[in-house]
Amino acid sequence: MIEKIGLDNLKIFYIAAKTGNITKASNELYISQPAVTQTIKKIEQSLNLTLFLRTKKGVTLTNI
């Protein structure tokens, strides 16, 4: 069953996708990098999908 994601979590996902970088997203949102990472993992687990491809250079959206 899909849990409610919430607008705050969707905003974190959106900024991470827009910037293509977890650290840049955390700076833009004024929250810690681990908080961004945990939120994205929580969303992915809730949807049972991988939303980002993670590399050393940043993140990109998957083609789902």
C-alpha atoms as a PDB file:
ATOM      1  CA  MET A   1       0.000   0.000   0.000  1.00  0.00           C
ATOM      2  CA  ILE A   2       1.298   3.456  -0.892  1.00  0.00           C
ATOM      3  CA  GLU A   3       1.834   5.765   2.048  1.00  0.00           C
ATOM      4  CA  LYS A   4       1.021   9.450   1.816  1.00  0.00           C
ATOM      5  CA  ILE A   5       4.096  11.251   0.577  1.00  0.00           C
ATOM      6  CA  GLY A   6       3.220  14.830   1.511  1.00  0.00           C
ATOM      7  CA  LEU A   7       3.953  18.135  -0.167  1.00  0.00           C
ATOM      8  CA  ASP A   8       7.151  18.778   1.791  1.00  0.00           C
ATOM      9  CA  ASN A   9       8.594  15.471   0.625  1.00  0.00           C
ATOM     10  CA  LEU A  10       7.508  16.117  -2.956  1.00  0.00           C
ATOM     11  CA  LYS A  11       9.255  19.489  -2.803  1.00  0.00           C
ATOM     12  CA  ILE A  12      12.476  17.773  -1.699  1.00  0.00           C
ATOM     13  CA  PHE A  13      12.137  15.288  -4.572  1.00  0.00           C
ATOM     14  CA  TYR A  14      11.459  18.084  -7.065  1.00  0.00           C
ATOM     15  CA  ILE A  15      14.454  20.203  -5.978  1.00  0.00           C
ATOM     16  CA  ALA A  16      16.752  17.164  -6.075  1.00  0.00           C
ATOM     17  CA  ALA A  17      15.534  16.358  -9.597  1.00  0.00           C
ATOM     18  CA  LYS A  18      15.836  19.987 -10.703  1.00  0.00           C
ATOM     19  CA  THR A  19      19.366  20.467  -9.375  1.00  0.00           C
ATOM     20  CA  GLY A  20      20.557  16.946 -10.212  1.00  0.00           C
ATOM     21  CA  ASN A  21      22.542  16.937  -6.980  1.00  0.00           C
ATOM     22  CA  ILE A  22      21.601  15.966  -3.412  1.00  0.00           C
ATOM     23  CA  THR A  23      24.022  18.449  -1.834  1.00  0.00           C
ATOM     24  CA  LYS A  24      22.798  21.335  -3.994  1.00  0.00           C
ATOM     25  CA  ALA A  25      19.217  20.400  -3.132  1.00  0.00           C
ATOM     26  CA  SER A  26      20.009  20.380   0.589  1.00  0.00           C
ATOM     27  CA  ASN A  27      21.631  23.797   0.303  1.00  0.00           C
ATOM     28  CA  GLU A  28      18.670  25.219  -1.614  1.00  0.00           C
ATOM     29  CA  LEU A  29      16.203  23.752   0.887  1.00  0.00           C
ATOM     30  CA  TYR A  30      18.287  24.684   3.968  1.00  0.00           C
ATOM     31  CA  ILE A  31      18.195  21.121   5.289  1.00  0.00           C
ATOM     32  CA  SER A  32      20.903  18.523   5.769  1.00  0.00           C
ATOM     33  CA  GLN A  33      22.101  16.272   2.955  1.00  0.00           C
ATOM     34  CA  PRO A  34      21.202  13.119   4.927  1.00  0.00           C
ATOM     35  CA  ALA A  35      17.639  14.451   5.341  1.00  0.00           C
ATOM     36  CA  VAL A  36      17.296  14.819   1.561  1.00  0.00           C
ATOM     37  CA  THR A  37      18.706  11.337   0.987  1.00  0.00           C
ATOM     38  CA  GLN A  38      16.409   9.779   3.600  1.00  0.00           C
ATOM     39  CA  THR A  39      13.362  11.510   2.165  1.00  0.00           C
ATOM     40  CA  ILE A  40      14.112  10.285  -1.346  1.00  0.00           C
ATOM     41  CA  LYS A  41      14.686   6.739  -0.067  1.00  0.00           C
ATOM     42  CA  LYS A  42      11.394   6.914   1.848  1.00  0.00           C
ATOM     43  CA  ILE A  43       9.519   7.998  -1.284  1.00  0.00           C
ATOM     44  CA  GLU A  44      11.180   5.250  -3.348  1.00  0.00           C
ATOM     45  CA  GLN A  45      10.307   2.620  -0.742  1.00  0.00           C
ATOM     46  CA  SER A  46       6.731   3.860  -0.504  1.00  0.00           C
ATOM     47  CA  LEU A  47       6.293   3.610  -4.278  1.00  0.00           C
ATOM     48  CA  ASN A  48       8.491   0.498  -4.590  1.00  0.00           C
ATOM     49  CA  LEU A  49      10.370   2.244  -7.422  1.00  0.00           C
ATOM     50  CA  THR A  50      13.849   3.577  -8.052  1.00  0.00           C
ATOM     51  CA  LEU A  51      13.360   7.238  -8.962  1.00  0.00           C
ATOM     52  CA  PHE A  52      16.984   8.351  -9.306  1.00  0.00           C
ATOM     53  CA  LEU A  53      20.128   6.935 -10.830  1.00  0.00           C
ATOM     54  CA  ARG A  54      22.895   7.874  -8.420  1.00  0.00           C
ATOM     55  CA  THR A  55      26.458   8.588  -9.536  1.00  0.00           C
ATOM     56  CA  LYS A  56      29.428  10.417  -8.046  1.00  0.00           C
ATOM     57  CA  LYS A  57      28.489  13.418 -10.180  1.00  0.00           C
ATOM     58  CA  GLY A  58      24.888  13.619  -8.999  1.00  0.00           C
ATOM     59  CA  VAL A  59      21.458  12.142  -9.625  1.00  0.00           C
ATOM     60  CA  THR A  60      19.281  11.791 -12.708  1.00  0.00           C
ATOM     61  CA  LEU A  61      15.696  10.643 -13.007  1.00  0.00           C
ATOM     62  CA  THR A  62      15.037   7.095 -14.131  1.00  0.00           C
ATOM     63  CA  ASN A  63      12.811   6.282 -17.096  1.00  0.00           C
ATOM     64  CA  ILE A  64       9.930   4.625 -15.309  1.00  0.00           C
END
